[in-house]
Amino acid sequence: MATGGWGPGYGPQNNGGQPPAGPGPGNPYGPPPAGPYGPQPGAGPYGPPQPIPPQVGPYPYGPTRPPRRRNPLRRVPFLNIISGIIHSAHHAADRLFVQDGGVRINDPVVERVQLFRSVLGLLATLAIAFFYGKGDEVWSGAAGSGVGNLIITPVLLIVTGPLVVLGFILYAPPHVRPALRSRLRAPLRTVAWYVLSVSVFVGAMVATAKSAYLFTLPHWAAGTLALILLAMIVWGIPFLFFASLYSAKTSFNTAHVHPMLPGVLTAVLVWAVAVVNVFVDGMPEGPVAVRLCSLLGGPLSVTAVALWELRRMRTRHGVFLRG
């Protein structure tokens, strides 16, 4: 086969039409030298093929975030405003009155037991009010008692808390007392925030009730002040509700002093609330056995759960009152 003077042809007489492997006019450099480990199977000009790393999520965009759940209340203008006010008040109360500081022991088992005891107590209260109450006064009395306890609990905690904390510190070993006293800053700050919140809300209520002075002001000043007072009251109602709830739950963040102190305060506080309820509302209705169960069932059950929580702290988390 003619090649036009450019070397041997690639016909069947020359390795099946392929260029010769050895050195010659068509391959002046010869075959590449073998590596120190011999020929590698499947090695091409770019080396062996690399394995594909595992892909997380739909390739090639990586993991996708789950779709965000939209609040159905956003579609209703009036309910959207109420939802925003409640959410804002809850967020503010949570930031001010729930500060564990990394020292509070969050035990899911204890939280479930406390929730179960609260539900049982509520059902027992409703059952006693339903079977032994008097007409329409049943539900109004039960609701009033619940709201009253929510309001009176932080007040009693502020009154009895210092005595309990003082006794707790005195019970601790002498070398531990300075450290416990140095941790009182967070509970005192929480108490100050609560007292300030209540004072501002009460002041707004009093200023709104005595609104005759608004007529002596210019129209723009009276309208601005009226809007500010209205906003303070509307936002302050859910804020004080969450503030009272979280203050009672965390005992004004006394876990900063010692993880066991909230349980001790709860056991003392529940008996103080029971005594106040007896003096304010009197004995509950029903037979003697029902009255005793209604009067002592709540404090005894709360005290039992608090003592069990303290024991669980000792056995599961290695926390002691003296040690």
C-alpha atoms as a PDB file:
ATOM      1  CA  MET A   1       0.000   0.000   0.000  1.00  0.00           C
ATOM      2  CA  ALA A   2       1.429   3.370  -0.967  1.00  0.00           C
ATOM      3  CA  THR A   3       2.054   5.770   1.890  1.00  0.00           C
ATOM      4  CA  GLY A   4       3.298   8.749   0.038  1.00  0.00           C
ATOM      5  CA  GLY A   5       6.730   8.592   1.617  1.00  0.00           C
ATOM      6  CA  TRP A   6       5.503   9.012   5.265  1.00  0.00           C
ATOM      7  CA  GLY A   7       6.544   5.656   6.692  1.00  0.00           C
ATOM      8  CA  PRO A   8       5.136   2.136   6.606  1.00  0.00           C
ATOM      9  CA  GLY A   9       1.463   1.685   6.035  1.00  0.00           C
ATOM     10  CA  TYR A  10      -1.111   0.454   8.519  1.00  0.00           C
ATOM     11  CA  GLY A  11      -2.268  -2.518   6.557  1.00  0.00           C
ATOM     12  CA  PRO A  12      -3.041  -6.000   7.753  1.00  0.00           C
ATOM     13  CA  GLN A  13       0.549  -6.979   7.104  1.00  0.00           C
ATOM     14  CA  ASN A  14       1.565  -4.558   9.874  1.00  0.00           C
ATOM     15  CA  ASN A  15      -0.208  -5.632  13.101  1.00  0.00           C
ATOM     16  CA  GLY A  16      -3.751  -5.523  11.809  1.00  0.00           C
ATOM     17  CA  GLY A  17      -3.581  -1.978  10.532  1.00  0.00           C
ATOM     18  CA  GLN A  18      -2.208  -0.525  13.817  1.00  0.00           C
ATOM     19  CA  PRO A  19       1.094   1.262  14.156  1.00  0.00           C
ATOM     20  CA  PRO A  20       3.952  -0.923  15.388  1.00  0.00           C
ATOM     21  CA  ALA A  21       4.495  -1.114  19.112  1.00  0.00           C
ATOM     22  CA  GLY A  22       8.272  -1.187  19.006  1.00  0.00           C
ATOM     23  CA  PRO A  23      10.651   1.526  17.933  1.00  0.00           C
ATOM     24  CA  GLY A  24      10.699   2.240  14.300  1.00  0.00           C
ATOM     25  CA  PRO A  25      10.122   4.965  11.798  1.00  0.00           C
ATOM     26  CA  GLY A  26       6.453   5.299  12.845  1.00  0.00           C
ATOM     27  CA  ASN A  27       7.188   5.452  16.635  1.00  0.00           C
ATOM     28  CA  PRO A  28      10.592   6.934  17.253  1.00  0.00           C
ATOM     29  CA  TYR A  29      10.277   7.019  21.082  1.00  0.00           C
ATOM     30  CA  GLY A  30       9.166   3.443  21.707  1.00  0.00           C
ATOM     31  CA  PRO A  31       6.672   2.242  24.294  1.00  0.00           C
ATOM     32  CA  PRO A  32       6.549   4.084  27.662  1.00  0.00           C
ATOM     33  CA  PRO A  33       8.612   2.428  30.380  1.00  0.00           C
ATOM     34  CA  ALA A  34       6.758   0.368  32.974  1.00  0.00           C
ATOM     35  CA  GLY A  35       6.386   1.791  36.513  1.00  0.00           C
ATOM     36  CA  PRO A  36       8.143   0.323  39.533  1.00  0.00           C
ATOM     37  CA  TYR A  37       5.005  -1.676  40.437  1.00  0.00           C
ATOM     38  CA  GLY A  38       4.362  -3.093  37.026  1.00  0.00           C
ATOM     39  CA  PRO A  39       1.417  -2.367  34.779  1.00  0.00           C
ATOM     40  CA  GLN A  40      -1.701  -1.214  36.601  1.00  0.00           C
ATOM     41  CA  PRO A  41      -5.012  -2.744  35.565  1.00  0.00           C
ATOM     42  CA  GLY A  42      -7.394  -0.282  34.023  1.00  0.00           C
ATOM     43  CA  ALA A  43      -4.881   2.563  34.174  1.00  0.00           C
ATOM     44  CA  GLY A  44      -5.498   5.090  31.451  1.00  0.00           C
ATOM     45  CA  PRO A  45      -3.707   8.302  30.644  1.00  0.00           C
ATOM     46  CA  TYR A  46      -5.343   9.933  33.742  1.00  0.00           C
ATOM     47  CA  GLY A  47      -4.802   7.077  36.185  1.00  0.00           C
ATOM     48  CA  PRO A  48      -7.345   4.598  37.579  1.00  0.00           C
ATOM     49  CA  PRO A  49     -10.947   5.777  37.863  1.00  0.00           C
ATOM     50  CA  GLN A  50     -11.766   7.341  41.210  1.00  0.00           C
ATOM     51  CA  PRO A  51     -14.823   6.143  43.202  1.00  0.00           C
ATOM     52  CA  ILE A  52     -17.783   8.529  43.284  1.00  0.00           C
ATOM     53  CA  PRO A  53     -18.350   9.908  46.816  1.00  0.00           C
ATOM     54  CA  PRO A  54     -21.772   9.245  48.319  1.00  0.00           C
ATOM     55  CA  GLN A  55     -24.266  12.012  47.632  1.00  0.00           C
ATOM     56  CA  VAL A  56     -26.473  13.410  50.408  1.00  0.00           C
ATOM     57  CA  GLY A  57     -29.784  14.641  49.128  1.00  0.00           C
ATOM     58  CA  PRO A  58     -30.841  15.046  45.528  1.00  0.00           C
ATOM     59  CA  TYR A  59     -27.817  15.415  43.301  1.00  0.00           C
ATOM     60  CA  PRO A  60     -26.359  17.930  42.404  1.00  0.00           C
ATOM     61  CA  TYR A  61     -27.932  20.440  44.820  1.00  0.00           C
ATOM     62  CA  GLY A  62     -27.177  18.695  48.122  1.00  0.00           C
ATOM     63  CA  PRO A  63     -29.612  18.328  51.037  1.00  0.00           C
ATOM     64  CA  THR A  64     -32.773  20.355  50.893  1.00  0.00           C
ATOM     65  CA  ARG A  65     -34.441  22.013  53.880  1.00  0.00           C
ATOM     66  CA  PRO A  66     -37.887  20.751  54.823  1.00  0.00           C
ATOM     67  CA  PRO A  67     -40.668  23.067  53.764  1.00  0.00           C
ATOM     68  CA  ARG A  68     -41.528  25.624  56.395  1.00  0.00           C
ATOM     69  CA  ARG A  69     -44.939  25.211  57.967  1.00  0.00           C
ATOM     70  CA  ARG A  70     -47.071  28.251  57.459  1.00  0.00           C
ATOM     71  CA  ASN A  71     -49.314  29.473  60.201  1.00  0.00           C
ATOM     72  CA  PRO A  72     -52.937  29.197  58.986  1.00  0.00           C
ATOM     73  CA  LEU A  73     -53.826  32.204  61.166  1.00  0.00           C
ATOM     74  CA  ARG A  74     -51.839  34.447  58.838  1.00  0.00           C
ATOM     75  CA  ARG A  75     -54.681  34.294  56.331  1.00  0.00           C
ATOM     76  CA  VAL A  76     -57.105  35.924  58.787  1.00  0.00           C
ATOM     77  CA  PRO A  77     -56.109  39.555  59.409  1.00  0.00           C
ATOM     78  CA  PHE A  78     -57.544  39.904  62.929  1.00  0.00           C
ATOM     79  CA  LEU A  79     -56.259  36.529  64.132  1.00  0.00           C
ATOM     80  CA  ASN A  80     -52.902  37.283  62.542  1.00  0.00           C
ATOM     81  CA  ILE A  81     -52.538  40.354  64.767  1.00  0.00           C
ATOM     82  CA  ILE A  82     -53.522  38.405  67.897  1.00  0.00           C
ATOM     83  CA  SER A  83     -51.121  35.603  67.023  1.00  0.00           C
ATOM     84  CA  GLY A  84     -48.286  38.088  66.535  1.00  0.00           C
ATOM     85  CA  ILE A  85     -48.956  39.756  69.886  1.00  0.00           C
ATOM     86  CA  ILE A  86     -49.041  36.436  71.735  1.00  0.00           C
ATOM     87  CA  HIS A  87     -45.913  35.191  69.980  1.00  0.00           C
ATOM     88  CA  SER A  88     -44.026  38.393  70.764  1.00  0.00           C
ATOM     89  CA  ALA A  89     -45.089  38.337  74.430  1.00  0.00           C
ATOM     90  CA  HIS A  90     -44.146  34.663  74.757  1.00  0.00           C
ATOM     91  CA  HIS A  91     -40.728  35.257  73.192  1.00  0.00           C
ATOM     92  CA  ALA A  92     -39.986  38.166  75.534  1.00  0.00           C
ATOM     93  CA  ALA A  93     -41.120  36.238  78.640  1.00  0.00           C
ATOM     94  CA  ASP A  94     -39.082  33.223  77.600  1.00  0.00           C
ATOM     95  CA  ARG A  95     -35.912  35.295  77.210  1.00  0.00           C
ATOM     96  CA  LEU A  96     -36.337  37.047  80.568  1.00  0.00           C
ATOM     97  CA  PHE A  97     -37.655  34.299  82.835  1.00  0.00           C
ATOM     98  CA  VAL A  98     -36.216  31.043  81.417  1.00  0.00           C
ATOM     99  CA  GLN A  99     -32.452  31.215  81.864  1.00  0.00           C
ATOM    100  CA  ASP A 100     -30.954  27.895  82.865  1.00  0.00           C
ATOM    101  CA  GLY A 101     -27.390  29.150  82.358  1.00  0.00           C
ATOM    102  CA  GLY A 102     -26.235  25.635  81.572  1.00  0.00           C
ATOM    103  CA  VAL A 103     -26.633  24.513  85.190  1.00  0.00           C
ATOM    104  CA  ARG A 104     -30.271  23.431  85.254  1.00  0.00           C
ATOM    105  CA  ILE A 105     -30.780  19.688  84.813  1.00  0.00           C
ATOM    106  CA  ASN A 106     -33.444  19.048  82.184  1.00  0.00           C
ATOM    107  CA  ASP A 107     -34.658  15.510  82.761  1.00  0.00           C
ATOM    108  CA  PRO A 108     -37.315  14.447  80.207  1.00  0.00           C
ATOM    109  CA  VAL A 109     -38.633  11.743  82.542  1.00  0.00           C
ATOM    110  CA  VAL A 110     -39.187  14.248  85.347  1.00  0.00           C
ATOM    111  CA  GLU A 111     -40.887  16.679  82.962  1.00  0.00           C
ATOM    112  CA  ARG A 112     -43.287  13.979  81.747  1.00  0.00           C
ATOM    113  CA  VAL A 113     -44.140  12.976  85.323  1.00  0.00           C
ATOM    114  CA  GLN A 114     -44.764  16.610  86.263  1.00  0.00           C
ATOM    115  CA  LEU A 115     -47.021  17.071  83.250  1.00  0.00           C
ATOM    116  CA  PHE A 116     -48.901  13.872  84.079  1.00  0.00           C
ATOM    117  CA  ARG A 117     -49.405  15.015  87.674  1.00  0.00           C
ATOM    118  CA  SER A 118     -50.656  18.422  86.498  1.00  0.00           C
ATOM    119  CA  VAL A 119     -53.184  16.838  84.139  1.00  0.00           C
ATOM    120  CA  LEU A 120     -54.423  14.496  86.865  1.00  0.00           C
ATOM    121  CA  GLY A 121     -54.750  17.401  89.294  1.00  0.00           C
ATOM    122  CA  LEU A 122     -56.735  19.410  86.771  1.00  0.00           C
ATOM    123  CA  LEU A 123     -59.063  16.498  86.039  1.00  0.00           C
ATOM    124  CA  ALA A 124     -59.569  15.844  89.747  1.00  0.00           C
ATOM    125  CA  THR A 125     -60.385  19.509  90.364  1.00  0.00           C
ATOM    126  CA  LEU A 126     -62.900  19.579  87.514  1.00  0.00           C
ATOM    127  CA  ALA A 127     -64.477  16.311  88.669  1.00  0.00           C
ATOM    128  CA  ILE A 128     -64.933  17.554  92.250  1.00  0.00           C
ATOM    129  CA  ALA A 129     -66.336  20.861  90.989  1.00  0.00           C
ATOM    130  CA  PHE A 130     -68.721  19.052  88.632  1.00  0.00           C
ATOM    131  CA  PHE A 131     -70.112  16.536  91.126  1.00  0.00           C
ATOM    132  CA  TYR A 132     -70.138  18.682  94.260  1.00  0.00           C
ATOM    133  CA  GLY A 133     -70.363  22.221  92.896  1.00  0.00           C
ATOM    134  CA  LYS A 134     -73.370  24.510  92.828  1.00  0.00           C
ATOM    135  CA  GLY A 135     -74.723  25.231  89.365  1.00  0.00           C
ATOM    136  CA  ASP A 136     -72.980  27.853  87.273  1.00  0.00           C
ATOM    137  CA  GLU A 137     -70.591  28.668  90.084  1.00  0.00           C
ATOM    138  CA  VAL A 138     -68.725  25.427  89.377  1.00  0.00           C
ATOM    139  CA  TRP A 139     -66.796  26.491  86.304  1.00  0.00           C
ATOM    140  CA  SER A 140     -66.414  30.138  87.289  1.00  0.00           C
ATOM    141  CA  GLY A 141     -65.024  29.091  90.666  1.00  0.00           C
ATOM    142  CA  ALA A 142     -62.610  26.600  89.114  1.00  0.00           C
ATOM    143  CA  ALA A 143     -61.420  29.135  86.528  1.00  0.00           C
ATOM    144  CA  GLY A 144     -61.093  31.860  89.151  1.00  0.00           C
ATOM    145  CA  SER A 145     -59.102  29.556  91.400  1.00  0.00           C
ATOM    146  CA  GLY A 146     -56.723  28.656  88.578  1.00  0.00           C
ATOM    147  CA  VAL A 147     -56.136  32.279  87.597  1.00  0.00           C
ATOM    148  CA  GLY A 148     -55.780  33.249  91.248  1.00  0.00           C
ATOM    149  CA  ASN A 149     -53.142  30.579  91.826  1.00  0.00           C
ATOM    150  CA  LEU A 150     -51.257  31.739  88.749  1.00  0.00           C
ATOM    151  CA  ILE A 151     -51.210  35.301  90.097  1.00  0.00           C
ATOM    152  CA  ILE A 152     -50.521  34.502  93.726  1.00  0.00           C
ATOM    153  CA  THR A 153     -47.765  31.941  93.102  1.00  0.00           C
ATOM    154  CA  PRO A 154     -45.038  34.430  92.020  1.00  0.00           C
ATOM    155  CA  VAL A 155     -46.019  36.731  94.901  1.00  0.00           C
ATOM    156  CA  LEU A 156     -45.702  33.940  97.458  1.00  0.00           C
ATOM    157  CA  LEU A 157     -42.472  32.881  95.793  1.00  0.00           C
ATOM    158  CA  ILE A 158     -41.052  36.367  96.239  1.00  0.00           C
ATOM    159  CA  VAL A 159     -42.139  36.373  99.905  1.00  0.00           C
ATOM    160  CA  THR A 160     -41.120  32.833 100.906  1.00  0.00           C
ATOM    161  CA  GLY A 161     -38.241  32.403  98.459  1.00  0.00           C
ATOM    162  CA  PRO A 162     -35.622  34.400 100.377  1.00  0.00           C
ATOM    163  CA  LEU A 163     -36.275  32.385 103.540  1.00  0.00           C
ATOM    164  CA  VAL A 164     -35.965  29.085 101.684  1.00  0.00           C
ATOM    165  CA  VAL A 165     -32.820  30.197  99.866  1.00  0.00           C
ATOM    166  CA  LEU A 166     -31.292  31.401 103.129  1.00  0.00           C
ATOM    167  CA  GLY A 167     -32.030  28.080 104.823  1.00  0.00           C
ATOM    168  CA  PHE A 168     -30.668  26.221 101.795  1.00  0.00           C
ATOM    169  CA  ILE A 169     -27.386  28.138 101.902  1.00  0.00           C
ATOM    170  CA  LEU A 170     -27.041  27.684 105.658  1.00  0.00           C
ATOM    171  CA  TYR A 171     -27.624  23.951 105.248  1.00  0.00           C
ATOM    172  CA  ALA A 172     -24.783  23.713 102.730  1.00  0.00           C
ATOM    173  CA  PRO A 173     -21.227  23.080 103.971  1.00  0.00           C
ATOM    174  CA  PRO A 174     -19.347  26.233 105.032  1.00  0.00           C
ATOM    175  CA  HIS A 175     -16.846  26.050 102.169  1.00  0.00           C
ATOM    176  CA  VAL A 176     -19.687  25.940  99.601  1.00  0.00           C
ATOM    177  CA  ARG A 177     -21.695  28.895 100.930  1.00  0.00           C
ATOM    178  CA  PRO A 178     -19.619  31.666  99.278  1.00  0.00           C
ATOM    179  CA  ALA A 179     -20.072  30.028  95.869  1.00  0.00           C
ATOM    180  CA  LEU A 180     -23.834  29.721  96.386  1.00  0.00           C
ATOM    181  CA  ARG A 181     -24.139  33.353  97.461  1.00  0.00           C
ATOM    182  CA  SER A 182     -22.206  34.482  94.395  1.00  0.00           C
ATOM    183  CA  ARG A 183     -24.789  32.823  92.137  1.00  0.00           C
ATOM    184  CA  LEU A 184     -27.756  34.820  93.459  1.00  0.00           C
ATOM    185  CA  ARG A 185     -27.394  37.474  90.771  1.00  0.00           C
ATOM    186  CA  ALA A 186     -29.503  35.687  88.140  1.00  0.00           C
ATOM    187  CA  PRO A 187     -32.493  34.954  90.460  1.00  0.00           C
ATOM    188  CA  LEU A 188     -32.430  38.515  91.822  1.00  0.00           C
ATOM    189  CA  ARG A 189     -32.354  39.887  88.287  1.00  0.00           C
ATOM    190  CA  THR A 190     -35.345  37.724  87.344  1.00  0.00           C
ATOM    191  CA  VAL A 191     -37.294  38.909  90.395  1.00  0.00           C
ATOM    192  CA  ALA A 192     -36.479  42.511  89.503  1.00  0.00           C
ATOM    193  CA  TRP A 193     -37.740  42.005  85.945  1.00  0.00           C
ATOM    194  CA  TYR A 194     -40.978  40.505  87.237  1.00  0.00           C
ATOM    195  CA  VAL A 195     -41.597  43.276  89.758  1.00  0.00           C
ATOM    196  CA  LEU A 196     -40.839  45.896  87.114  1.00  0.00           C
ATOM    197  CA  SER A 197     -43.202  44.235  84.615  1.00  0.00           C
ATOM    198  CA  VAL A 198     -46.047  44.088  87.122  1.00  0.00           C
ATOM    199  CA  SER A 199     -45.441  47.696  88.192  1.00  0.00           C
ATOM    200  CA  VAL A 200     -45.494  48.968  84.599  1.00  0.00           C
ATOM    201  CA  PHE A 201     -48.655  47.022  83.801  1.00  0.00           C
ATOM    202  CA  VAL A 202     -50.439  48.239  86.945  1.00  0.00           C
ATOM    203  CA  GLY A 203     -49.326  51.784  86.200  1.00  0.00           C
ATOM    204  CA  ALA A 204     -50.741  51.533  82.671  1.00  0.00           C
ATOM    205  CA  MET A 205     -54.031  50.220  84.047  1.00  0.00           C
ATOM    206  CA  VAL A 206     -54.284  53.039  86.596  1.00  0.00           C
ATOM    207  CA  ALA A 207     -53.409  55.660  83.984  1.00  0.00           C
ATOM    208  CA  THR A 208     -56.091  54.250  81.686  1.00  0.00           C
ATOM    209  CA  ALA A 209     -58.727  54.171  84.432  1.00  0.00           C
ATOM    210  CA  LYS A 210     -58.061  57.787  85.348  1.00  0.00           C
ATOM    211  CA  SER A 211     -58.141  59.123  81.825  1.00  0.00           C
ATOM    212  CA  ALA A 212     -59.740  62.494  82.592  1.00  0.00           C
ATOM    213  CA  TYR A 213     -56.355  64.175  82.313  1.00  0.00           C
ATOM    214  CA  LEU A 214     -56.232  63.264  78.624  1.00  0.00           C
ATOM    215  CA  PHE A 215     -58.786  65.978  77.837  1.00  0.00           C
ATOM    216  CA  THR A 216     -56.393  68.615  79.165  1.00  0.00           C
ATOM    217  CA  LEU A 217     -53.698  67.646  76.659  1.00  0.00           C
ATOM    218  CA  PRO A 218     -53.494  68.581  72.966  1.00  0.00           C
ATOM    219  CA  HIS A 219     -55.284  66.224  70.609  1.00  0.00           C
ATOM    220  CA  TRP A 220     -52.113  64.723  69.154  1.00  0.00           C
ATOM    221  CA  ALA A 221     -50.566  64.176  72.610  1.00  0.00           C
ATOM    222  CA  ALA A 222     -53.763  62.656  74.019  1.00  0.00           C
ATOM    223  CA  GLY A 223     -54.137  60.317  71.022  1.00  0.00           C
ATOM    224  CA  THR A 224     -50.492  59.222  71.171  1.00  0.00           C
ATOM    225  CA  LEU A 225     -50.645  58.576  74.915  1.00  0.00           C
ATOM    226  CA  ALA A 226     -53.921  56.654  74.579  1.00  0.00           C
ATOM    227  CA  LEU A 227     -52.417  54.409  71.873  1.00  0.00           C
ATOM    228  CA  ILE A 228     -49.323  53.761  73.996  1.00  0.00           C
ATOM    229  CA  LEU A 229     -51.416  52.813  77.035  1.00  0.00           C
ATOM    230  CA  LEU A 230     -53.635  50.566  74.926  1.00  0.00           C
ATOM    231  CA  ALA A 231     -50.617  48.807  73.402  1.00  0.00           C
ATOM    232  CA  MET A 232     -49.064  48.317  76.855  1.00  0.00           C
ATOM    233  CA  ILE A 233     -52.245  46.729  78.205  1.00  0.00           C
ATOM    234  CA  VAL A 234     -52.960  44.536  75.173  1.00  0.00           C
ATOM    235  CA  TRP A 235     -49.374  43.281  75.014  1.00  0.00           C
ATOM    236  CA  GLY A 236     -48.922  43.179  78.778  1.00  0.00           C
ATOM    237  CA  ILE A 237     -51.768  40.732  79.466  1.00  0.00           C
ATOM    238  CA  PRO A 238     -50.219  37.747  77.614  1.00  0.00           C
ATOM    239  CA  PHE A 239     -46.737  38.808  78.711  1.00  0.00           C
ATOM    240  CA  LEU A 240     -47.664  38.729  82.407  1.00  0.00           C
ATOM    241  CA  PHE A 241     -49.416  35.403  81.903  1.00  0.00           C
ATOM    242  CA  PHE A 242     -46.275  33.801  80.450  1.00  0.00           C
ATOM    243  CA  ALA A 243     -44.048  35.631  82.940  1.00  0.00           C
ATOM    244  CA  SER A 244     -46.036  34.287  85.904  1.00  0.00           C
ATOM    245  CA  LEU A 245     -46.109  30.813  84.392  1.00  0.00           C
ATOM    246  CA  TYR A 246     -42.362  30.663  83.758  1.00  0.00           C
ATOM    247  CA  SER A 247     -41.492  32.325  87.063  1.00  0.00           C
ATOM    248  CA  ALA A 248     -43.415  29.645  88.938  1.00  0.00           C
ATOM    249  CA  LYS A 249     -41.990  26.870  86.775  1.00  0.00           C
ATOM    250  CA  THR A 250     -38.343  27.906  87.124  1.00  0.00           C
ATOM    251  CA  SER A 251     -38.703  29.420  90.627  1.00  0.00           C
ATOM    252  CA  PHE A 252     -37.162  32.644  89.306  1.00  0.00           C
ATOM    253  CA  ASN A 253     -34.187  30.763  87.835  1.00  0.00           C
ATOM    254  CA  THR A 254     -32.945  29.631  91.236  1.00  0.00           C
ATOM    255  CA  ALA A 255     -31.272  26.672  89.518  1.00  0.00           C
ATOM    256  CA  HIS A 256     -28.357  29.072  88.988  1.00  0.00           C
ATOM    257  CA  VAL A 257     -27.711  28.812  92.723  1.00  0.00           C
ATOM    258  CA  HIS A 258     -28.071  25.012  92.899  1.00  0.00           C
ATOM    259  CA  PRO A 259     -29.891  22.502  90.649  1.00  0.00           C
ATOM    260  CA  MET A 260     -31.858  21.167  93.630  1.00  0.00           C
ATOM    261  CA  LEU A 261     -33.138  24.533  94.824  1.00  0.00           C
ATOM    262  CA  PRO A 262     -36.170  24.751  92.435  1.00  0.00           C
ATOM    263  CA  GLY A 263     -37.465  21.404  93.705  1.00  0.00           C
ATOM    264  CA  VAL A 264     -37.117  22.503  97.328  1.00  0.00           C
ATOM    265  CA  LEU A 265     -38.876  25.799  96.589  1.00  0.00           C
ATOM    266  CA  THR A 266     -41.698  23.978  94.796  1.00  0.00           C
ATOM    267  CA  ALA A 267     -42.291  21.673  97.761  1.00  0.00           C
ATOM    268  CA  VAL A 268     -42.499  24.658 100.128  1.00  0.00           C
ATOM    269  CA  LEU A 269     -44.486  26.890  97.799  1.00  0.00           C
ATOM    270  CA  VAL A 270     -47.287  24.399  97.138  1.00  0.00           C
ATOM    271  CA  TRP A 271     -48.140  24.259 100.852  1.00  0.00           C
ATOM    272  CA  ALA A 272     -48.150  28.062 101.073  1.00  0.00           C
ATOM    273  CA  VAL A 273     -50.583  28.217  98.145  1.00  0.00           C
ATOM    274  CA  ALA A 274     -52.808  25.611  99.801  1.00  0.00           C
ATOM    275  CA  VAL A 275     -52.951  27.621 103.037  1.00  0.00           C
ATOM    276  CA  VAL A 276     -53.830  30.817 101.148  1.00  0.00           C
ATOM    277  CA  ASN A 277     -56.587  29.009  99.223  1.00  0.00           C
ATOM    278  CA  VAL A 278     -58.124  27.754 102.478  1.00  0.00           C
ATOM    279  CA  PHE A 279     -58.216  31.253 103.950  1.00  0.00           C
ATOM    280  CA  VAL A 280     -59.519  32.857 100.740  1.00  0.00           C
ATOM    281  CA  ASP A 281     -61.917  30.249  99.318  1.00  0.00           C
ATOM    282  CA  GLY A 282     -62.611  28.119 102.391  1.00  0.00           C
ATOM    283  CA  MET A 283     -62.954  24.344 102.409  1.00  0.00           C
ATOM    284  CA  PRO A 284     -64.062  22.679  99.160  1.00  0.00           C
ATOM    285  CA  GLU A 285     -67.545  21.240  98.753  1.00  0.00           C
ATOM    286  CA  GLY A 286     -68.439  17.576  99.234  1.00  0.00           C
ATOM    287  CA  PRO A 287     -68.054  14.865 101.854  1.00  0.00           C
ATOM    288  CA  VAL A 288     -65.232  14.920 104.355  1.00  0.00           C
ATOM    289  CA  ALA A 289     -63.128  12.451 102.381  1.00  0.00           C
ATOM    290  CA  VAL A 290     -63.530  14.501  99.208  1.00  0.00           C
ATOM    291  CA  ARG A 291     -62.645  17.684 101.048  1.00  0.00           C
ATOM    292  CA  LEU A 292     -59.478  16.158 102.454  1.00  0.00           C
ATOM    293  CA  CYS A 293     -58.476  14.786  99.048  1.00  0.00           C
ATOM    294  CA  SER A 294     -59.120  18.147  97.410  1.00  0.00           C
ATOM    295  CA  LEU A 295     -57.256  20.034 100.107  1.00  0.00           C
ATOM    296  CA  LEU A 296     -54.255  17.726 100.571  1.00  0.00           C
ATOM    297  CA  GLY A 297     -54.103  15.848  97.279  1.00  0.00           C
ATOM    298  CA  GLY A 298     -52.391  18.631  95.347  1.00  0.00           C
ATOM    299  CA  PRO A 299     -49.719  19.542  97.926  1.00  0.00           C
ATOM    300  CA  LEU A 300     -48.945  15.910  98.742  1.00  0.00           C
ATOM    301  CA  SER A 301     -48.608  14.895  95.097  1.00  0.00           C
ATOM    302  CA  VAL A 302     -46.442  17.907  94.226  1.00  0.00           C
ATOM    303  CA  THR A 303     -44.229  17.267  97.260  1.00  0.00           C
ATOM    304  CA  ALA A 304     -43.883  13.591  96.328  1.00  0.00           C
ATOM    305  CA  VAL A 305     -42.842  14.463  92.766  1.00  0.00           C
ATOM    306  CA  ALA A 306     -40.384  17.084  94.062  1.00  0.00           C
ATOM    307  CA  LEU A 307     -38.789  14.620  96.487  1.00  0.00           C
ATOM    308  CA  TRP A 308     -38.570  12.012  93.725  1.00  0.00           C
ATOM    309  CA  GLU A 309     -36.907  14.609  91.482  1.00  0.00           C
ATOM    310  CA  LEU A 310     -34.330  15.361  94.200  1.00  0.00           C
ATOM    311  CA  ARG A 311     -33.646  11.658  94.646  1.00  0.00           C
ATOM    312  CA  ARG A 312     -33.266  11.215  90.900  1.00  0.00           C
ATOM    313  CA  MET A 313     -30.736  14.044  90.840  1.00  0.00           C
ATOM    314  CA  ARG A 314     -28.676  12.224  93.456  1.00  0.00           C
ATOM    315  CA  THR A 315     -28.854   8.796  91.852  1.00  0.00           C
ATOM    316  CA  ARG A 316     -28.792   9.673  88.145  1.00  0.00           C
ATOM    317  CA  HIS A 317     -26.888  12.957  87.966  1.00  0.00           C
ATOM    318  CA  GLY A 318     -24.672  12.888  91.060  1.00  0.00           C
ATOM    319  CA  VAL A 319     -26.058  16.128  92.549  1.00  0.00           C
ATOM    320  CA  PHE A 320     -26.216  16.394  96.338  1.00  0.00           C
ATOM    321  CA  LEU A 321     -27.326  18.991  98.867  1.00  0.00           C
ATOM    322  CA  ARG A 322     -24.300  18.288 101.012  1.00  0.00           C
ATOM    323  CA  GLY A 323     -21.426  16.772  99.104  1.00  0.00           C
END
